[in-house]
């Protein structure tokens, strides 16, 4: 089988990737869809598509709340959101497979003199 990797097909695929539109909180969706590794995540807030809908890490729910490193958890959650977008919230015939996630960059956003 030969894959269609033409610029037109790639553009159509890129445009088909949309944010998840649901009233289900991210924490609940991840817990239900990935119960083995996402039950009871120390998060709150939205799905993280905008600053207003940011994913909030609830520091007091971490085993060592004084100095947690969020980098591993951030990557884990980003990977699961991608699976939600490209597999779980799609019709069977529109699902992706063989997804490989690679982080390109990460930086804090400062708002009113504080990291957000």
N, C-alpha and C. Protein backbone atom coordinates (compact mmCIF):
# COMPACT_ATOMS: atom_id res chain seq x y z
N UNK A 1 0.85 -1.18 0.00
CA UNK A 1 0.00 0.00 0.00
C UNK A 1 0.89 1.24 0.00
N UNK A 2 0.61 2.17 -0.84
CA UNK A 2 1.37 3.41 -0.92
C UNK A 2 0.59 4.54 -0.24
N UNK A 3 1.28 5.28 0.61
CA UNK A 3 0.66 6.37 1.35
C UNK A 3 0.61 7.63 0.49
N UNK A 4 -0.50 8.34 0.60
CA UNK A 4 -0.64 9.62 -0.09
C UNK A 4 -0.06 10.70 0.82
N UNK A 5 1.12 11.16 0.49
CA UNK A 5 1.76 12.21 1.28
C UNK A 5 1.87 13.51 0.51
N UNK A 6 0.97 13.69 -0.44
CA UNK A 6 0.99 14.90 -1.24
C UNK A 6 0.74 16.12 -0.35
N UNK A 7 1.20 17.29 -0.76
CA UNK A 7 0.96 18.51 0.03
C UNK A 7 -0.53 18.75 0.29
N UNK A 8 -1.36 18.44 -0.68
CA UNK A 8 -2.80 18.63 -0.52
C UNK A 8 -3.36 17.72 0.58
N UNK A 9 -2.93 16.45 0.56
CA UNK A 9 -3.41 15.49 1.57
C UNK A 9 -2.90 15.88 2.95
N UNK A 10 -1.65 16.29 3.04
CA UNK A 10 -1.08 16.69 4.32
C UNK A 10 -1.79 17.92 4.86
N UNK A 11 -2.12 18.87 3.99
CA UNK A 11 -2.85 20.08 4.42
C UNK A 11 -4.24 19.70 4.93
N UNK A 12 -4.90 18.79 4.25
CA UNK A 12 -6.24 18.35 4.67
C UNK A 12 -6.16 17.65 6.03
N UNK A 13 -5.17 16.82 6.23
CA UNK A 13 -5.00 16.15 7.52
C UNK A 13 -4.73 17.16 8.62
N UNK A 14 -3.86 18.12 8.34
CA UNK A 14 -3.54 19.14 9.34
C UNK A 14 -4.79 19.93 9.73
N UNK A 15 -5.62 20.27 8.77
CA UNK A 15 -6.84 21.03 9.06
C UNK A 15 -7.87 20.21 9.81
N UNK A 16 -7.79 18.87 9.71
CA UNK A 16 -8.76 18.02 10.38
C UNK A 16 -8.47 17.89 11.88
N UNK A 17 -7.30 18.30 12.32
CA UNK A 17 -6.93 18.19 13.73
C UNK A 17 -7.46 19.43 14.46
N UNK A 18 -8.42 19.20 15.30
CA UNK A 18 -9.09 20.29 16.00
C UNK A 18 -9.08 20.03 17.50
N UNK A 19 -9.19 21.08 18.29
CA UNK A 19 -9.31 20.89 19.74
C UNK A 19 -10.54 20.05 20.08
N UNK A 20 -10.45 19.33 21.16
CA UNK A 20 -11.58 18.55 21.65
C UNK A 20 -12.64 19.52 22.16
N UNK A 21 -13.86 19.37 21.68
CA UNK A 21 -14.96 20.20 22.14
C UNK A 21 -15.90 19.33 22.98
N UNK A 22 -15.79 19.49 24.29
CA UNK A 22 -16.59 18.70 25.20
C UNK A 22 -16.78 19.46 26.50
N UNK A 23 -17.82 19.12 27.22
CA UNK A 23 -18.05 19.70 28.54
C UNK A 23 -17.39 18.86 29.63
N UNK A 24 -16.81 17.74 29.24
CA UNK A 24 -16.15 16.86 30.20
C UNK A 24 -14.80 17.47 30.59
N UNK A 25 -14.55 17.67 31.88
CA UNK A 25 -13.26 18.21 32.30
C UNK A 25 -12.12 17.29 31.88
N UNK A 26 -10.96 17.87 31.59
CA UNK A 26 -9.80 17.09 31.16
C UNK A 26 -9.47 16.00 32.17
N UNK A 27 -9.43 16.34 33.43
CA UNK A 27 -9.09 15.35 34.46
C UNK A 27 -10.01 14.14 34.39
N UNK A 28 -11.30 14.37 34.22
CA UNK A 28 -12.27 13.29 34.13
C UNK A 28 -12.08 12.47 32.86
N UNK A 29 -11.89 13.15 31.72
CA UNK A 29 -11.71 12.45 30.44
C UNK A 29 -10.47 11.55 30.49
N UNK A 30 -9.37 12.09 30.99
CA UNK A 30 -8.14 11.29 31.06
C UNK A 30 -8.30 10.13 32.03
N UNK A 31 -8.95 10.36 33.14
CA UNK A 31 -9.16 9.30 34.12
C UNK A 31 -10.02 8.17 33.55
N UNK A 32 -11.04 8.52 32.79
CA UNK A 32 -11.93 7.51 32.20
C UNK A 32 -11.27 6.79 31.03
N UNK A 33 -10.54 7.52 30.19
CA UNK A 33 -9.95 6.93 28.99
C UNK A 33 -8.62 6.23 29.24
N UNK A 34 -7.91 6.65 30.28
CA UNK A 34 -6.60 6.07 30.61
C UNK A 34 -6.52 5.79 32.11
N UNK A 35 -7.37 4.88 32.61
CA UNK A 35 -7.44 4.67 34.06
C UNK A 35 -6.15 4.14 34.68
N UNK A 36 -5.33 3.44 33.92
CA UNK A 36 -4.10 2.87 34.47
C UNK A 36 -3.09 3.94 34.88
N UNK A 37 -2.97 5.00 34.06
CA UNK A 37 -1.93 5.98 34.36
C UNK A 37 -2.43 7.42 34.49
N UNK A 38 -3.74 7.62 34.44
CA UNK A 38 -4.25 8.99 34.56
C UNK A 38 -5.33 9.15 35.62
N UNK A 39 -5.56 8.11 36.42
CA UNK A 39 -6.54 8.25 37.50
C UNK A 39 -5.96 9.17 38.57
N UNK A 40 -6.75 10.07 39.06
CA UNK A 40 -6.36 10.96 40.16
C UNK A 40 -5.17 11.86 39.83
N UNK A 41 -5.08 12.35 38.61
CA UNK A 41 -4.01 13.29 38.28
C UNK A 41 -4.18 14.56 39.12
N UNK A 42 -3.10 15.15 39.58
CA UNK A 42 -3.19 16.37 40.39
C UNK A 42 -3.36 17.61 39.51
N UNK A 43 -4.46 17.63 38.73
CA UNK A 43 -4.71 18.74 37.82
C UNK A 43 -6.13 19.26 38.00
N UNK A 44 -6.33 20.48 37.55
CA UNK A 44 -7.65 21.13 37.51
C UNK A 44 -7.64 22.03 36.28
N UNK A 45 -8.69 22.78 36.10
CA UNK A 45 -8.73 23.73 34.98
C UNK A 45 -9.28 23.10 33.71
N UNK A 46 -8.92 23.71 32.58
CA UNK A 46 -9.45 23.29 31.30
C UNK A 46 -8.54 22.35 30.54
N UNK A 47 -8.71 22.34 29.21
CA UNK A 47 -7.95 21.44 28.34
C UNK A 47 -6.63 22.05 27.89
N UNK A 48 -6.34 23.29 28.24
CA UNK A 48 -5.05 23.89 27.96
C UNK A 48 -4.89 24.48 26.57
N UNK A 49 -5.98 24.72 25.86
CA UNK A 49 -5.87 25.28 24.51
C UNK A 49 -5.59 26.78 24.52
N UNK A 50 -5.99 27.46 25.58
CA UNK A 50 -5.72 28.88 25.72
C UNK A 50 -5.26 29.13 27.16
N UNK A 51 -4.73 30.31 27.42
CA UNK A 51 -4.32 30.64 28.77
C UNK A 51 -5.52 30.64 29.72
N UNK A 52 -6.64 31.10 29.23
CA UNK A 52 -7.86 31.13 30.06
C UNK A 52 -8.31 29.71 30.43
N UNK A 53 -8.02 28.74 29.57
CA UNK A 53 -8.40 27.34 29.81
C UNK A 53 -7.19 26.51 30.21
N UNK A 54 -6.24 27.12 30.90
CA UNK A 54 -4.99 26.45 31.25
C UNK A 54 -5.23 25.23 32.12
N UNK A 55 -4.31 24.28 31.99
CA UNK A 55 -4.29 23.12 32.88
C UNK A 55 -3.55 23.58 34.14
N UNK A 56 -4.16 23.37 35.28
CA UNK A 56 -3.60 23.82 36.55
C UNK A 56 -3.07 22.60 37.31
N UNK A 57 -1.81 22.68 37.72
CA UNK A 57 -1.23 21.62 38.54
C UNK A 57 -1.50 21.95 39.99
N UNK A 58 -2.17 21.05 40.69
CA UNK A 58 -2.56 21.28 42.08
C UNK A 58 -1.43 20.80 42.98
N UNK A 59 -0.58 21.75 43.35
CA UNK A 59 0.66 21.45 44.08
C UNK A 59 0.42 20.64 45.35
N UNK A 60 -0.62 20.95 46.10
CA UNK A 60 -0.84 20.27 47.38
C UNK A 60 -1.22 18.79 47.20
N UNK A 61 -1.55 18.37 45.97
CA UNK A 61 -1.90 16.97 45.72
C UNK A 61 -0.68 16.13 45.32
N UNK A 62 0.50 16.74 45.23
CA UNK A 62 1.72 16.02 44.90
C UNK A 62 2.29 15.41 46.18
N UNK A 63 3.02 14.29 46.06
CA UNK A 63 3.61 13.68 47.25
C UNK A 63 4.56 14.61 48.00
N UNK A 64 5.36 15.41 47.25
CA UNK A 64 6.25 16.40 47.85
C UNK A 64 5.86 17.76 47.28
N UNK A 65 4.84 18.40 47.81
CA UNK A 65 4.33 19.63 47.21
C UNK A 65 5.30 20.81 47.19
N UNK A 66 6.34 20.78 47.99
CA UNK A 66 7.23 21.93 48.03
C UNK A 66 8.11 22.06 46.80
N UNK A 67 8.43 20.96 46.13
CA UNK A 67 9.35 21.06 44.99
C UNK A 67 9.04 20.05 43.89
N UNK A 68 7.81 20.01 43.39
CA UNK A 68 7.56 19.05 42.32
C UNK A 68 8.10 19.57 40.98
N UNK A 69 8.52 18.64 40.16
CA UNK A 69 8.90 18.99 38.79
C UNK A 69 7.72 18.60 37.91
N UNK A 70 7.18 19.57 37.22
CA UNK A 70 6.01 19.31 36.39
C UNK A 70 6.35 18.83 34.98
N UNK A 71 7.63 18.86 34.59
CA UNK A 71 8.01 18.56 33.20
C UNK A 71 7.52 17.20 32.74
N UNK A 72 7.73 16.16 33.50
CA UNK A 72 7.28 14.83 33.11
C UNK A 72 5.78 14.74 33.01
N UNK A 73 5.09 15.34 33.97
CA UNK A 73 3.63 15.33 33.96
C UNK A 73 3.08 16.14 32.79
N UNK A 74 3.71 17.27 32.49
CA UNK A 74 3.28 18.09 31.35
C UNK A 74 3.36 17.29 30.06
N UNK A 75 4.47 16.59 29.85
CA UNK A 75 4.66 15.78 28.65
C UNK A 75 3.62 14.67 28.60
N UNK A 76 3.40 14.00 29.72
CA UNK A 76 2.43 12.91 29.80
C UNK A 76 1.02 13.39 29.44
N UNK A 77 0.63 14.52 30.00
CA UNK A 77 -0.71 15.06 29.72
C UNK A 77 -0.82 15.50 28.27
N UNK A 78 0.21 16.16 27.74
CA UNK A 78 0.18 16.57 26.33
C UNK A 78 0.01 15.37 25.41
N UNK A 79 0.72 14.30 25.70
CA UNK A 79 0.60 13.07 24.91
C UNK A 79 -0.82 12.52 24.96
N UNK A 80 -1.42 12.49 26.13
CA UNK A 80 -2.77 11.97 26.28
C UNK A 80 -3.80 12.86 25.59
N UNK A 81 -3.61 14.19 25.64
CA UNK A 81 -4.52 15.10 24.93
C UNK A 81 -4.45 14.84 23.43
N UNK A 82 -3.25 14.60 22.92
CA UNK A 82 -3.10 14.30 21.49
C UNK A 82 -3.85 13.02 21.14
N UNK A 83 -3.76 12.00 21.99
CA UNK A 83 -4.52 10.77 21.74
C UNK A 83 -6.02 11.05 21.76
N UNK A 84 -6.46 11.89 22.71
CA UNK A 84 -7.88 12.25 22.76
C UNK A 84 -8.30 12.91 21.46
N UNK A 85 -7.48 13.85 20.96
CA UNK A 85 -7.80 14.59 19.74
C UNK A 85 -7.79 13.71 18.48
N UNK A 86 -6.81 12.84 18.39
CA UNK A 86 -6.59 12.10 17.14
C UNK A 86 -7.18 10.70 17.11
N UNK A 87 -7.63 10.21 18.27
CA UNK A 87 -8.17 8.86 18.30
C UNK A 87 -9.54 8.81 18.99
N UNK A 88 -9.56 9.11 20.27
CA UNK A 88 -10.73 8.84 21.10
C UNK A 88 -11.96 9.67 20.69
N UNK A 89 -11.79 10.95 20.42
CA UNK A 89 -12.93 11.81 20.09
C UNK A 89 -13.26 11.81 18.60
N UNK A 90 -12.72 10.87 17.84
CA UNK A 90 -12.98 10.79 16.39
C UNK A 90 -13.80 9.55 16.06
N UNK A 91 -14.49 9.63 14.93
CA UNK A 91 -15.20 8.45 14.42
C UNK A 91 -14.15 7.40 14.05
N UNK A 92 -14.53 6.15 14.09
CA UNK A 92 -13.61 5.04 13.81
C UNK A 92 -12.83 5.25 12.51
N UNK A 93 -13.51 5.67 11.46
CA UNK A 93 -12.85 5.80 10.16
C UNK A 93 -11.94 7.03 10.05
N UNK A 94 -12.00 7.93 11.02
CA UNK A 94 -11.18 9.15 11.00
C UNK A 94 -10.04 9.13 12.00
N UNK A 95 -9.81 7.99 12.64
CA UNK A 95 -8.78 7.91 13.67
C UNK A 95 -7.39 7.78 13.08
N UNK A 96 -6.44 8.33 13.80
CA UNK A 96 -5.03 8.24 13.44
C UNK A 96 -4.40 7.06 14.19
N UNK A 97 -3.23 6.65 13.74
CA UNK A 97 -2.46 5.63 14.46
C UNK A 97 -0.98 5.89 14.24
N UNK A 98 -0.14 5.23 15.03
CA UNK A 98 1.30 5.41 14.90
C UNK A 98 1.76 6.80 15.25
N UNK A 99 1.14 7.41 16.25
CA UNK A 99 1.45 8.78 16.63
C UNK A 99 2.76 8.82 17.41
N UNK A 100 3.66 9.68 17.00
CA UNK A 100 4.95 9.87 17.66
C UNK A 100 5.04 11.32 18.11
N UNK A 101 5.11 11.53 19.40
CA UNK A 101 5.14 12.87 19.96
C UNK A 101 6.58 13.26 20.27
N UNK A 102 6.97 14.43 19.79
CA UNK A 102 8.30 14.95 20.08
C UNK A 102 8.19 16.41 20.48
N UNK A 103 8.70 16.73 21.64
CA UNK A 103 8.65 18.10 22.13
C UNK A 103 9.63 18.97 21.37
N UNK A 104 9.15 20.10 20.87
CA UNK A 104 10.01 21.05 20.16
C UNK A 104 10.55 22.12 21.09
N UNK A 105 9.70 22.64 21.97
CA UNK A 105 10.15 23.67 22.90
C UNK A 105 9.18 23.75 24.06
N UNK A 106 9.65 24.43 25.10
CA UNK A 106 8.82 24.66 26.27
C UNK A 106 9.36 25.89 26.98
N UNK A 107 8.48 26.77 27.37
CA UNK A 107 8.91 27.97 28.09
C UNK A 107 7.77 28.49 28.94
N UNK A 108 8.09 29.10 30.08
CA UNK A 108 7.04 29.67 30.92
C UNK A 108 6.47 30.94 30.28
N UNK A 109 5.25 31.21 30.59
CA UNK A 109 4.60 32.43 30.13
C UNK A 109 4.47 33.33 31.34
N UNK A 110 4.91 34.57 31.21
CA UNK A 110 4.84 35.52 32.31
C UNK A 110 3.66 36.45 32.12
N UNK A 111 2.89 36.60 33.18
CA UNK A 111 1.74 37.49 33.16
C UNK A 111 1.75 38.29 34.45
N UNK A 112 1.71 39.60 34.34
CA UNK A 112 1.73 40.49 35.51
C UNK A 112 2.94 40.20 36.42
N UNK A 113 4.10 39.95 35.80
CA UNK A 113 5.31 39.74 36.57
C UNK A 113 5.47 38.39 37.22
N UNK A 114 4.59 37.46 36.93
CA UNK A 114 4.72 36.14 37.52
C UNK A 114 4.56 35.07 36.43
N UNK A 115 5.21 33.93 36.64
CA UNK A 115 5.07 32.83 35.70
C UNK A 115 3.68 32.24 35.81
N UNK A 116 3.10 31.93 34.66
CA UNK A 116 1.78 31.32 34.66
C UNK A 116 1.81 29.98 33.98
